[in-house]
Amino acid sequence: MSVCCTGPCAGDKPPVDSRYRRILWIALAANLIMFVVELVGGLKADSVSLLADAVDFFGDAANYALSLFVLALAPAWRSRTALIKGLTMGGFGVFVLGKTVWSAAAGTVPEPVTMGAIGFLALLTNLAVAGLLFTYRNGDADMRSVWLCSRNDAIGNVAVMLAALGVLGTGTGWPDIVVATIMGTLALTAARMVIVHARSELNTNRLAVEET
């Protein structure tokens, strides 16, 4: 007999929200497509902010895939996955900042028209995904991490478009570098939020198991 008298046990599997699962599949496909588009566009335009955004799209696609995998697992496993995703987001932030330093030293000047056009397409994609995920923004650590990824991406896309205008107006690569720096910092900040939330959930689940 289960020792849990009322409500779900800490190790029980949560009910699977079929709508949330469909949204994750849509988000996964959209992010994979935009990864390819921004990777090609970033190389063509020689834009570090576009390349950074492409890596972000790839990371988000991996995060959505992980979320689909753990959707029907016990809360503790979902929290562990969120912790891994938080560490991944932090790794992305470190990569972007390192790439930014390299571009600054090389004096790269990107092509602004390609930057702006692809940035706008990426913005539309992320706004659509963020809109679908809005209902789940206050869910568990895993759902919160998915929402934060989409929100941060939309903010990053606006920044890339502003960088394109800055490059066009100044004829230098510094706007591109500034935006890439902001994107890297934003990734590190979001990673910290997800890691703290996930660790809190893991501690709660452990205490719940110890009390049963």
N, C-alpha and C. Protein backbone atom coordinates (compact mmCIF):
# COMPACT_ATOMS: atom_id res chain seq x y z
N MET A 1 0.85 -1.19 0.00
CA MET A 1 0.00 0.00 0.00
C MET A 1 0.89 1.25 0.00
N SER A 2 0.43 2.28 -0.70
CA SER A 2 1.20 3.52 -0.74
C SER A 2 1.13 4.23 0.59
N VAL A 3 2.25 4.84 0.98
CA VAL A 3 2.28 5.59 2.24
C VAL A 3 1.72 6.98 2.07
N CYS A 4 1.38 7.38 0.84
CA CYS A 4 0.81 8.71 0.60
C CYS A 4 -0.69 8.62 0.75
N CYS A 5 -1.23 9.29 1.75
CA CYS A 5 -2.65 9.20 2.01
C CYS A 5 -3.46 10.08 1.09
N THR A 6 -3.00 11.31 0.88
CA THR A 6 -3.73 12.23 0.02
C THR A 6 -2.76 12.90 -0.91
N GLY A 7 -3.20 13.18 -2.14
CA GLY A 7 -2.37 13.87 -3.12
C GLY A 7 -1.32 12.94 -3.67
N PRO A 8 -0.56 13.39 -4.66
CA PRO A 8 0.46 12.56 -5.29
C PRO A 8 1.69 12.42 -4.41
N CYS A 9 2.33 11.26 -4.50
CA CYS A 9 3.60 11.07 -3.81
C CYS A 9 4.68 11.84 -4.53
N ALA A 10 5.79 12.04 -3.86
CA ALA A 10 6.88 12.78 -4.47
C ALA A 10 7.41 12.07 -5.70
N GLY A 11 7.26 10.73 -5.75
CA GLY A 11 7.80 9.99 -6.87
C GLY A 11 6.78 9.69 -7.95
N ASP A 12 5.51 10.13 -7.77
CA ASP A 12 4.49 9.85 -8.75
C ASP A 12 4.74 10.61 -10.04
N LYS A 13 4.28 10.04 -11.15
CA LYS A 13 4.38 10.74 -12.42
C LYS A 13 3.25 11.74 -12.55
N PRO A 14 3.51 12.97 -12.97
CA PRO A 14 2.46 13.96 -13.13
C PRO A 14 1.62 13.66 -14.35
N PRO A 15 0.36 14.11 -14.38
CA PRO A 15 -0.44 13.92 -15.57
C PRO A 15 0.16 14.67 -16.75
N VAL A 16 0.13 14.05 -17.92
CA VAL A 16 0.71 14.65 -19.11
C VAL A 16 -0.31 15.55 -19.78
N ASP A 17 0.04 16.80 -19.98
CA ASP A 17 -0.80 17.76 -20.66
C ASP A 17 -0.55 17.60 -22.16
N SER A 18 -1.56 17.08 -22.87
CA SER A 18 -1.38 16.82 -24.30
C SER A 18 -1.17 18.11 -25.09
N ARG A 19 -1.80 19.20 -24.67
CA ARG A 19 -1.61 20.48 -25.36
C ARG A 19 -0.18 20.96 -25.19
N TYR A 20 0.36 20.82 -23.98
CA TYR A 20 1.74 21.23 -23.73
C TYR A 20 2.71 20.39 -24.56
N ARG A 21 2.43 19.11 -24.69
CA ARG A 21 3.27 18.24 -25.50
C ARG A 21 3.27 18.69 -26.96
N ARG A 22 2.10 19.02 -27.49
CA ARG A 22 2.01 19.49 -28.89
C ARG A 22 2.78 20.79 -29.07
N ILE A 23 2.68 21.68 -28.09
CA ILE A 23 3.40 22.96 -28.17
C ILE A 23 4.91 22.72 -28.19
N LEU A 24 5.38 21.78 -27.38
CA LEU A 24 6.81 21.49 -27.36
C LEU A 24 7.29 20.94 -28.71
N TRP A 25 6.48 20.11 -29.35
CA TRP A 25 6.85 19.59 -30.67
C TRP A 25 6.93 20.73 -31.69
N ILE A 26 5.98 21.64 -31.64
CA ILE A 26 5.99 22.80 -32.54
C ILE A 26 7.24 23.65 -32.28
N ALA A 27 7.52 23.89 -31.01
CA ALA A 27 8.69 24.70 -30.64
C ALA A 27 9.98 24.02 -31.08
N LEU A 28 10.05 22.70 -30.93
CA LEU A 28 11.24 21.95 -31.34
C LEU A 28 11.50 22.12 -32.83
N ALA A 29 10.45 21.93 -33.65
CA ALA A 29 10.60 22.06 -35.10
C ALA A 29 10.99 23.47 -35.50
N ALA A 30 10.34 24.47 -34.90
CA ALA A 30 10.62 25.87 -35.23
C ALA A 30 12.06 26.25 -34.89
N ASN A 31 12.55 25.77 -33.75
CA ASN A 31 13.91 26.11 -33.33
C ASN A 31 14.97 25.43 -34.20
N LEU A 32 14.72 24.21 -34.63
CA LEU A 32 15.65 23.53 -35.51
C LEU A 32 15.76 24.25 -36.86
N ILE A 33 14.61 24.67 -37.38
CA ILE A 33 14.60 25.38 -38.67
C ILE A 33 15.36 26.70 -38.55
N MET A 34 15.09 27.45 -37.47
CA MET A 34 15.73 28.74 -37.30
C MET A 34 17.22 28.60 -36.99
N PHE A 35 17.62 27.49 -36.38
CA PHE A 35 19.04 27.24 -36.16
C PHE A 35 19.78 27.20 -37.49
N VAL A 36 19.23 26.47 -38.44
CA VAL A 36 19.86 26.35 -39.76
C VAL A 36 19.87 27.71 -40.46
N VAL A 37 18.73 28.42 -40.41
CA VAL A 37 18.62 29.72 -41.08
C VAL A 37 19.63 30.70 -40.51
N GLU A 38 19.73 30.79 -39.18
CA GLU A 38 20.64 31.77 -38.57
C GLU A 38 22.09 31.35 -38.70
N LEU A 39 22.36 30.06 -38.70
CA LEU A 39 23.74 29.61 -38.87
C LEU A 39 24.25 30.01 -40.26
N VAL A 40 23.45 29.73 -41.28
CA VAL A 40 23.83 30.09 -42.65
C VAL A 40 23.91 31.61 -42.80
N GLY A 41 22.89 32.31 -42.26
CA GLY A 41 22.87 33.76 -42.35
C GLY A 41 23.99 34.42 -41.59
N GLY A 42 24.31 33.88 -40.40
CA GLY A 42 25.38 34.43 -39.59
C GLY A 42 26.74 34.30 -40.26
N LEU A 43 26.95 33.15 -40.90
CA LEU A 43 28.22 32.95 -41.62
C LEU A 43 28.29 33.87 -42.84
N LYS A 44 27.16 34.02 -43.52
CA LYS A 44 27.13 34.87 -44.70
C LYS A 44 27.34 36.34 -44.34
N ALA A 45 26.69 36.77 -43.25
CA ALA A 45 26.77 38.17 -42.85
C ALA A 45 27.98 38.45 -41.96
N ASP A 46 28.67 37.40 -41.52
CA ASP A 46 29.82 37.57 -40.62
C ASP A 46 29.41 38.26 -39.33
N SER A 47 28.24 37.85 -38.81
CA SER A 47 27.67 38.49 -37.61
C SER A 47 27.78 37.57 -36.41
N VAL A 48 28.47 38.03 -35.37
CA VAL A 48 28.62 37.22 -34.16
C VAL A 48 27.30 37.12 -33.40
N SER A 49 26.46 38.16 -33.44
CA SER A 49 25.19 38.09 -32.74
C SER A 49 24.23 37.11 -33.41
N LEU A 50 24.26 37.01 -34.73
CA LEU A 50 23.44 36.02 -35.42
C LEU A 50 23.93 34.61 -35.13
N LEU A 51 25.23 34.41 -35.14
CA LEU A 51 25.78 33.10 -34.82
C LEU A 51 25.45 32.71 -33.38
N ALA A 52 25.52 33.69 -32.48
CA ALA A 52 25.17 33.44 -31.09
C ALA A 52 23.70 33.05 -30.98
N ASP A 53 22.85 33.72 -31.74
CA ASP A 53 21.43 33.41 -31.71
C ASP A 53 21.17 32.04 -32.33
N ALA A 54 21.96 31.66 -33.34
CA ALA A 54 21.82 30.33 -33.95
C ALA A 54 22.15 29.24 -32.94
N VAL A 55 23.23 29.43 -32.19
CA VAL A 55 23.59 28.47 -31.15
C VAL A 55 22.49 28.40 -30.10
N ASP A 56 21.89 29.55 -29.80
CA ASP A 56 20.79 29.60 -28.84
C ASP A 56 19.60 28.80 -29.34
N PHE A 57 19.27 28.94 -30.64
CA PHE A 57 18.17 28.17 -31.21
C PHE A 57 18.45 26.67 -31.11
N PHE A 58 19.69 26.28 -31.37
CA PHE A 58 20.05 24.86 -31.28
C PHE A 58 19.92 24.38 -29.84
N GLY A 59 20.40 25.19 -28.89
CA GLY A 59 20.28 24.83 -27.49
C GLY A 59 18.84 24.71 -27.05
N ASP A 60 17.99 25.62 -27.53
CA ASP A 60 16.58 25.55 -27.19
C ASP A 60 15.92 24.31 -27.77
N ALA A 61 16.30 23.95 -29.00
CA ALA A 61 15.75 22.74 -29.61
C ALA A 61 16.10 21.52 -28.76
N ALA A 62 17.34 21.49 -28.27
CA ALA A 62 17.75 20.39 -27.39
C ALA A 62 16.96 20.43 -26.09
N ASN A 63 16.71 21.63 -25.57
CA ASN A 63 15.93 21.76 -24.34
C ASN A 63 14.50 21.28 -24.53
N TYR A 64 13.89 21.63 -25.66
CA TYR A 64 12.52 21.17 -25.93
C TYR A 64 12.48 19.65 -26.06
N ALA A 65 13.50 19.08 -26.70
CA ALA A 65 13.56 17.63 -26.84
C ALA A 65 13.66 16.96 -25.47
N LEU A 66 14.50 17.54 -24.58
CA LEU A 66 14.62 17.01 -23.22
C LEU A 66 13.30 17.14 -22.46
N SER A 67 12.62 18.26 -22.65
CA SER A 67 11.34 18.47 -21.97
C SER A 67 10.32 17.44 -22.41
N LEU A 68 10.30 17.11 -23.70
CA LEU A 68 9.39 16.08 -24.19
C LEU A 68 9.72 14.72 -23.57
N PHE A 69 11.00 14.45 -23.40
CA PHE A 69 11.43 13.17 -22.85
C PHE A 69 10.99 13.00 -21.40
N VAL A 70 11.08 14.09 -20.61
CA VAL A 70 10.80 13.98 -19.17
C VAL A 70 9.37 14.37 -18.83
N LEU A 71 8.54 14.65 -19.82
CA LEU A 71 7.21 15.20 -19.56
C LEU A 71 6.38 14.29 -18.66
N ALA A 72 6.50 12.98 -18.83
CA ALA A 72 5.70 12.04 -18.04
C ALA A 72 6.48 11.41 -16.90
N LEU A 73 7.68 11.91 -16.62
CA LEU A 73 8.49 11.36 -15.55
C LEU A 73 8.12 11.97 -14.21
N ALA A 74 8.66 11.41 -13.15
CA ALA A 74 8.41 11.91 -11.80
C ALA A 74 8.98 13.32 -11.64
N PRO A 75 8.40 14.12 -10.72
CA PRO A 75 8.86 15.49 -10.52
C PRO A 75 10.36 15.61 -10.26
N ALA A 76 10.93 14.67 -9.53
CA ALA A 76 12.36 14.75 -9.22
C ALA A 76 13.20 14.68 -10.49
N TRP A 77 12.81 13.82 -11.43
CA TRP A 77 13.55 13.71 -12.68
C TRP A 77 13.39 14.96 -13.55
N ARG A 78 12.21 15.55 -13.51
CA ARG A 78 11.99 16.79 -14.26
C ARG A 78 12.85 17.91 -13.68
N SER A 79 12.99 17.94 -12.36
CA SER A 79 13.83 18.96 -11.74
C SER A 79 15.30 18.74 -12.07
N ARG A 80 15.72 17.49 -12.11
CA ARG A 80 17.12 17.20 -12.48
C ARG A 80 17.39 17.64 -13.91
N THR A 81 16.42 17.40 -14.79
CA THR A 81 16.58 17.80 -16.18
C THR A 81 16.65 19.32 -16.29
N ALA A 82 15.82 20.02 -15.52
CA ALA A 82 15.85 21.48 -15.52
C ALA A 82 17.21 21.98 -15.04
N LEU A 83 17.81 21.26 -14.09
CA LEU A 83 19.13 21.64 -13.60
C LEU A 83 20.17 21.52 -14.72
N ILE A 84 20.09 20.43 -15.49
CA ILE A 84 21.00 20.25 -16.62
C ILE A 84 20.80 21.34 -17.66
N LYS A 85 19.54 21.68 -17.92
CA LYS A 85 19.24 22.73 -18.88
C LYS A 85 19.77 24.07 -18.41
N GLY A 86 19.70 24.33 -17.10
CA GLY A 86 20.24 25.58 -16.57
C GLY A 86 21.74 25.66 -16.76
N LEU A 87 22.41 24.54 -16.54
CA LEU A 87 23.86 24.51 -16.75
C LEU A 87 24.20 24.69 -18.23
N THR A 88 23.36 24.13 -19.11
CA THR A 88 23.56 24.30 -20.56
C THR A 88 23.42 25.75 -20.96
N MET A 89 22.38 26.41 -20.42
CA MET A 89 22.18 27.82 -20.71
C MET A 89 23.38 28.64 -20.25
N GLY A 90 23.94 28.27 -19.10
CA GLY A 90 25.12 28.97 -18.61
C GLY A 90 26.31 28.76 -19.53
N GLY A 91 26.47 27.53 -20.04
CA GLY A 91 27.53 27.24 -20.98
C GLY A 91 27.39 28.06 -22.26
N PHE A 92 26.15 28.22 -22.71
CA PHE A 92 25.89 29.04 -23.89
C PHE A 92 26.34 30.48 -23.65
N GLY A 93 26.05 31.00 -22.47
CA GLY A 93 26.44 32.37 -22.15
C GLY A 93 27.95 32.54 -22.17
N VAL A 94 28.68 31.57 -21.63
CA VAL A 94 30.14 31.63 -21.64
C VAL A 94 30.67 31.59 -23.07
N PHE A 95 30.07 30.72 -23.91
CA PHE A 95 30.50 30.61 -25.31
C PHE A 95 30.31 31.94 -26.05
N VAL A 96 29.15 32.55 -25.86
CA VAL A 96 28.86 33.81 -26.56
C VAL A 96 29.84 34.89 -26.14
N LEU A 97 30.12 34.99 -24.86
CA LEU A 97 31.05 36.02 -24.40
C LEU A 97 32.45 35.78 -24.94
N GLY A 98 32.86 34.52 -25.02
CA GLY A 98 34.17 34.22 -25.58
C GLY A 98 34.25 34.56 -27.06
N LYS A 99 33.18 34.22 -27.80
CA LYS A 99 33.13 34.53 -29.23
C LYS A 99 33.12 36.04 -29.46
N THR A 100 32.49 36.76 -28.58
CA THR A 100 32.43 38.22 -28.69
C THR A 100 33.82 38.84 -28.54
N VAL A 101 34.58 38.34 -27.58
CA VAL A 101 35.94 38.84 -27.38
C VAL A 101 36.77 38.59 -28.64
N TRP A 102 36.63 37.41 -29.23
CA TRP A 102 37.39 37.08 -30.44
C TRP A 102 37.03 38.02 -31.59
N SER A 103 35.72 38.28 -31.78
CA SER A 103 35.27 39.17 -32.86
C SER A 103 35.75 40.60 -32.65
N ALA A 104 35.75 41.05 -31.41
CA ALA A 104 36.23 42.39 -31.11
C ALA A 104 37.70 42.53 -31.46
N ALA A 105 38.47 41.50 -31.13
CA ALA A 105 39.91 41.54 -31.41
C ALA A 105 40.17 41.49 -32.92
N ALA A 106 39.30 40.78 -33.66
CA ALA A 106 39.49 40.64 -35.10
C ALA A 106 38.99 41.85 -35.88
N GLY A 107 38.19 42.69 -35.24
CA GLY A 107 37.65 43.88 -35.91
C GLY A 107 36.66 43.56 -37.01
N THR A 108 35.84 42.52 -36.81
CA THR A 108 34.87 42.09 -37.81
C THR A 108 33.73 43.10 -37.96
N VAL A 109 33.34 43.39 -39.20
CA VAL A 109 32.19 44.26 -39.50
C VAL A 109 31.15 43.44 -40.26
N PRO A 110 30.01 43.12 -39.63
CA PRO A 110 29.00 42.27 -40.27
C PRO A 110 28.19 43.01 -41.33
N GLU A 111 27.40 42.25 -42.09
CA GLU A 111 26.54 42.81 -43.14
C GLU A 111 25.16 43.07 -42.53
N PRO A 112 24.75 44.34 -42.38
CA PRO A 112 23.57 44.68 -41.59
C PRO A 112 22.22 44.26 -42.18
N VAL A 113 22.07 44.25 -43.51
CA VAL A 113 20.77 43.92 -44.11
C VAL A 113 20.39 42.48 -43.81
N THR A 114 21.34 41.57 -43.98
CA THR A 114 21.07 40.16 -43.66
C THR A 114 20.78 39.99 -42.18
N MET A 115 21.55 40.70 -41.35
CA MET A 115 21.32 40.63 -39.90
C MET A 115 19.89 41.02 -39.55
N GLY A 116 19.44 42.16 -40.09
CA GLY A 116 18.11 42.67 -39.76
C GLY A 116 17.00 41.77 -40.25
N ALA A 117 17.12 41.26 -41.49
CA ALA A 117 16.08 40.42 -42.06
C ALA A 117 15.92 39.11 -41.29
N ILE A 118 17.05 38.47 -41.00
CA ILE A 118 16.99 37.19 -40.27
C ILE A 118 16.58 37.42 -38.82
N GLY A 119 17.03 38.53 -38.25
CA GLY A 119 16.63 38.85 -36.89
C GLY A 119 15.13 39.03 -36.78
N PHE A 120 14.52 39.67 -37.79
CA PHE A 120 13.07 39.87 -37.78
C PHE A 120 12.33 38.54 -37.91
N LEU A 121 12.80 37.66 -38.79
CA LEU A 121 12.19 36.34 -38.94
C LEU A 121 12.29 35.53 -37.65
N ALA A 122 13.45 35.63 -37.00
CA ALA A 122 13.63 34.93 -35.73
C ALA A 122 12.71 35.48 -34.66
N LEU A 123 12.51 36.80 -34.66
CA LEU A 123 11.61 37.42 -33.69
C LEU A 123 10.19 36.90 -33.85
N LEU A 124 9.70 36.85 -35.08
CA LEU A 124 8.35 36.33 -35.33
C LEU A 124 8.22 34.89 -34.83
N THR A 125 9.26 34.10 -35.07
CA THR A 125 9.23 32.70 -34.64
C THR A 125 9.16 32.59 -33.12
N ASN A 126 10.01 33.33 -32.44
CA ASN A 126 10.05 33.25 -30.98
C ASN A 126 8.82 33.84 -30.31
N LEU A 127 8.26 34.89 -30.89
CA LEU A 127 7.02 35.45 -30.34
C LEU A 127 5.88 34.44 -30.44
N ALA A 128 5.84 33.71 -31.55
CA ALA A 128 4.80 32.70 -31.72
C ALA A 128 4.96 31.58 -30.69
N VAL A 129 6.19 31.12 -30.49
CA VAL A 129 6.45 30.06 -29.51
C VAL A 129 6.19 30.56 -28.09
N ALA A 130 6.66 31.76 -27.78
CA ALA A 130 6.44 32.32 -26.44
C ALA A 130 4.95 32.49 -26.15
N GLY A 131 4.18 32.88 -27.17
CA GLY A 131 2.74 33.01 -27.00
C GLY A 131 2.09 31.68 -26.67
N LEU A 132 2.54 30.62 -27.32
CA LEU A 132 1.99 29.29 -27.05
C LEU A 132 2.35 28.81 -25.65
N LEU A 133 3.53 29.20 -25.16
CA LEU A 133 4.02 28.74 -23.86
C LEU A 133 3.61 29.64 -22.70
N PHE A 134 2.97 30.77 -22.98
CA PHE A 134 2.69 31.78 -21.96
C PHE A 134 1.90 31.19 -20.78
N THR A 135 0.97 30.32 -21.06
CA THR A 135 0.13 29.74 -20.01
C THR A 135 0.96 28.94 -19.01
N TYR A 136 2.10 28.40 -19.45
CA TYR A 136 2.89 27.50 -18.62
C TYR A 136 4.10 28.18 -17.98
N ARG A 137 4.15 29.52 -18.00
CA ARG A 137 5.33 30.23 -17.53
C ARG A 137 5.53 30.11 -16.02
N ASN A 138 4.48 29.79 -15.27
CA ASN A 138 4.59 29.68 -13.82
C ASN A 138 4.48 28.23 -13.35
N GLY A 139 4.82 27.29 -14.24
CA GLY A 139 4.78 25.88 -13.89
C GLY A 139 6.00 25.47 -13.08
N ASP A 140 6.36 24.17 -13.18
CA ASP A 140 7.53 23.69 -12.44
C ASP A 140 8.81 24.21 -13.08
N ALA A 141 9.95 23.79 -12.54
CA ALA A 141 11.24 24.32 -13.01
C ALA A 141 11.46 24.02 -14.49
N ASP A 142 11.01 22.83 -14.92
CA ASP A 142 11.20 22.47 -16.33
C ASP A 142 10.37 23.38 -17.23
N MET A 143 9.09 23.59 -16.90
CA MET A 143 8.23 24.47 -17.69
C MET A 143 8.74 25.91 -17.65
N ARG A 144 9.21 26.33 -16.48
CA ARG A 144 9.71 27.71 -16.35
C ARG A 144 10.96 27.91 -17.21
N SER A 145 11.82 26.89 -17.27
CA SER A 145 13.03 27.02 -18.07
C SER A 145 12.69 27.13 -19.55
N VAL A 146 11.67 26.39 -20.00
CA VAL A 146 11.23 26.45 -21.40
C VAL A 146 10.69 27.84 -21.71
N TRP A 147 9.89 28.39 -20.81
CA TRP A 147 9.33 29.73 -21.01
C TRP A 147 10.44 30.78 -21.05
N LEU A 148 11.40 30.68 -20.13
CA LEU A 148 12.50 31.65 -20.08
C LEU A 148 13.32 31.61 -21.37
N CYS A 149 13.52 30.42 -21.92
CA CYS A 149 14.27 30.32 -23.18
C CYS A 149 13.58 31.10 -24.28
N SER A 150 12.27 30.92 -24.41
CA SER A 150 11.53 31.60 -25.47
C SER A 150 11.49 33.11 -25.25
N ARG A 151 11.30 33.53 -24.01
CA ARG A 151 11.27 34.95 -23.69
C ARG A 151 12.60 35.61 -24.00
N ASN A 152 13.67 34.97 -23.56
CA ASN A 152 15.00 35.53 -23.79
C ASN A 152 15.34 35.59 -25.27
N ASP A 153 14.88 34.60 -26.02
CA ASP A 153 15.14 34.59 -27.46
C ASP A 153 14.48 35.77 -28.14
N ALA A 154 13.22 36.06 -27.77
CA ALA A 154 12.52 37.20 -28.38
C ALA A 154 13.25 38.50 -28.08
N ILE A 155 13.71 38.66 -26.84
CA ILE A 155 14.48 39.85 -26.46
C ILE A 155 15.77 39.92 -27.27
N GLY A 156 16.43 38.77 -27.43
CA GLY A 156 17.66 38.73 -28.19
C GLY A 156 17.46 39.08 -29.65
N ASN A 157 16.33 38.67 -30.24
CA ASN A 157 16.05 38.98 -31.63
C ASN A 157 15.89 40.48 -31.85
N VAL A 158 15.20 41.15 -30.93
CA VAL A 158 15.06 42.61 -31.03
C VAL A 158 16.43 43.26 -30.95
N ALA A 159 17.27 42.74 -30.06
CA ALA A 159 18.62 43.29 -29.91
C ALA A 159 19.44 43.10 -31.19
N VAL A 160 19.29 41.97 -31.85
CA VAL A 160 20.02 41.72 -33.11
C VAL A 160 19.58 42.72 -34.18
N MET A 161 18.28 43.00 -34.24
CA MET A 161 17.78 43.97 -35.21
C MET A 161 18.32 45.37 -34.92
N LEU A 162 18.39 45.74 -33.65
CA LEU A 162 18.96 47.04 -33.28
C LEU A 162 20.45 47.09 -33.61
N ALA A 163 21.13 45.96 -33.44
CA ALA A 163 22.55 45.90 -33.78
C ALA A 163 22.74 46.10 -35.27
N ALA A 164 21.84 45.52 -36.07
CA ALA A 164 21.92 45.68 -37.52
C ALA A 164 21.81 47.15 -37.90
N LEU A 165 20.88 47.86 -37.24
CA LEU A 165 20.74 49.29 -37.51
C LEU A 165 22.01 50.04 -37.08
N GLY A 166 22.58 49.62 -35.95
CA GLY A 166 23.79 50.27 -35.46
C GLY A 166 24.97 50.06 -36.39
N VAL A 167 25.11 48.85 -36.90
CA VAL A 167 26.20 48.57 -37.85
C VAL A 167 26.01 49.37 -39.13
N LEU A 168 24.75 49.44 -39.59
CA LEU A 168 24.46 50.21 -40.79
C LEU A 168 24.79 51.69 -40.61
N GLY A 169 24.48 52.21 -39.42
CA GLY A 169 24.70 53.63 -39.18
C GLY A 169 26.13 54.00 -38.88
N THR A 170 26.87 53.12 -38.22
CA THR A 170 28.24 53.45 -37.81
C THR A 170 29.32 52.87 -38.73
N GLY A 171 28.96 51.82 -39.46
CA GLY A 171 29.96 51.18 -40.32
C GLY A 171 31.01 50.40 -39.55
N THR A 172 30.73 50.10 -38.28
CA THR A 172 31.64 49.32 -37.45
C THR A 172 30.91 48.09 -36.91
N GLY A 173 31.67 47.17 -36.33
CA GLY A 173 31.08 45.96 -35.78
C GLY A 173 30.74 46.06 -34.31
N TRP A 174 30.94 47.22 -33.69
CA TRP A 174 30.72 47.35 -32.26
C TRP A 174 29.28 47.13 -31.81
N PRO A 175 28.28 47.59 -32.56
CA PRO A 175 26.90 47.28 -32.15
C PRO A 175 26.64 45.77 -32.09
N ASP A 176 27.20 45.04 -33.04
CA ASP A 176 27.07 43.59 -33.06
C ASP A 176 27.73 42.98 -31.83
N ILE A 177 28.88 43.50 -31.46
CA ILE A 177 29.63 43.00 -30.31
C ILE A 177 28.88 43.30 -29.00
N VAL A 178 28.33 44.51 -28.91
CA VAL A 178 27.58 44.89 -27.70
C VAL A 178 26.38 43.98 -27.50
N VAL A 179 25.64 43.73 -28.59
CA VAL A 179 24.46 42.87 -28.51
C VAL A 179 24.85 41.45 -28.10
N ALA A 180 25.91 40.93 -28.68
CA ALA A 180 26.36 39.58 -28.33
C ALA A 180 26.72 39.51 -26.85
N THR A 181 27.34 40.57 -26.32
CA THR A 181 27.68 40.62 -24.90
C THR A 181 26.43 40.58 -24.03
N ILE A 182 25.42 41.35 -24.44
CA ILE A 182 24.15 41.37 -23.70
C ILE A 182 23.49 39.99 -23.72
N MET A 183 23.50 39.35 -24.90
CA MET A 183 22.88 38.03 -25.03
C MET A 183 23.58 37.01 -24.14
N GLY A 184 24.90 37.07 -24.09
CA GLY A 184 25.64 36.16 -23.23
C GLY A 184 25.33 36.38 -21.76
N THR A 185 25.26 37.64 -21.35
CA THR A 185 24.94 37.96 -19.96
C THR A 185 23.52 37.53 -19.61
N LEU A 186 22.59 37.74 -20.54
CA LEU A 186 21.20 37.35 -20.31
C LEU A 186 21.08 35.84 -20.14
N ALA A 187 21.85 35.09 -20.92
CA ALA A 187 21.84 33.64 -20.81
C ALA A 187 22.34 33.20 -19.44
N LEU A 188 23.40 33.85 -18.94
CA LEU A 188 23.93 33.51 -17.62
C LEU A 188 22.93 33.82 -16.51
N THR A 189 22.22 34.95 -16.65
CA THR A 189 21.22 35.33 -15.65
C THR A 189 20.07 34.34 -15.61
N ALA A 190 19.56 33.97 -16.80
CA ALA A 190 18.46 33.01 -16.87
C ALA A 190 18.90 31.64 -16.34
N ALA A 191 20.15 31.27 -16.64
CA ALA A 191 20.67 29.99 -16.16
C ALA A 191 20.66 29.94 -14.64
N ARG A 192 21.05 31.04 -14.02
CA ARG A 192 21.07 31.08 -12.55
C ARG A 192 19.66 30.91 -11.99
N MET A 193 18.66 31.57 -12.60
CA MET A 193 17.28 31.45 -12.14
C MET A 193 16.78 30.01 -12.23
N VAL A 194 17.07 29.35 -13.36
CA VAL A 194 16.61 27.97 -13.56
C VAL A 194 17.31 27.03 -12.58
N ILE A 195 18.61 27.21 -12.38
CA ILE A 195 19.37 26.34 -11.48
C ILE A 195 18.87 26.48 -10.04
N VAL A 196 18.64 27.71 -9.61
CA VAL A 196 18.14 27.94 -8.24
C VAL A 196 16.77 27.31 -8.05
N HIS A 197 15.87 27.48 -9.04
CA HIS A 197 14.53 26.90 -8.97
C HIS A 197 14.59 25.38 -8.95
N ALA A 198 15.41 24.80 -9.80
CA ALA A 198 15.51 23.34 -9.88
C ALA A 198 16.07 22.76 -8.59
N ARG A 199 17.09 23.39 -8.03
CA ARG A 199 17.67 22.90 -6.78
C ARG A 199 16.67 22.99 -5.64
N SER A 200 15.85 24.04 -5.65
CA SER A 200 14.82 24.19 -4.63
C SER A 200 13.80 23.05 -4.73
N GLU A 201 13.39 22.72 -5.95
CA GLU A 201 12.44 21.63 -6.15
C GLU A 201 13.04 20.29 -5.74
N LEU A 202 14.31 20.07 -6.05
CA LEU A 202 14.96 18.82 -5.68
C LEU A 202 15.02 18.67 -4.16
N ASN A 203 15.30 19.77 -3.47
CA ASN A 203 15.33 19.73 -2.00
C ASN A 203 13.95 19.43 -1.44
N THR A 204 12.92 20.03 -2.03
CA THR A 204 11.55 19.79 -1.58
C THR A 204 11.16 18.34 -1.80
N ASN A 205 11.49 17.79 -2.97
CA ASN A 205 11.17 16.39 -3.26
C ASN A 205 11.89 15.44 -2.32
N ARG A 206 13.16 15.76 -2.00
CA ARG A 206 13.93 14.90 -1.10
C ARG A 206 13.32 14.90 0.30
N LEU A 207 12.91 16.08 0.76
CA LEU A 207 12.29 16.16 2.10
C LEU A 207 10.97 15.41 2.13
N ALA A 208 10.21 15.50 1.01
CA ALA A 208 8.93 14.81 0.96
C ALA A 208 9.12 13.29 1.04
N VAL A 209 10.16 12.79 0.38
CA VAL A 209 10.45 11.35 0.41
C VAL A 209 10.90 10.94 1.80
N GLU A 210 11.72 11.75 2.45
CA GLU A 210 12.21 11.43 3.79
C GLU A 210 11.10 11.41 4.82
N GLU A 211 10.05 12.23 4.60
CA GLU A 211 8.96 12.30 5.56
C GLU A 211 7.96 11.15 5.41
N THR A 212 7.99 10.47 4.25
CA THR A 212 7.03 9.39 4.02
C THR A 212 7.48 8.09 4.66
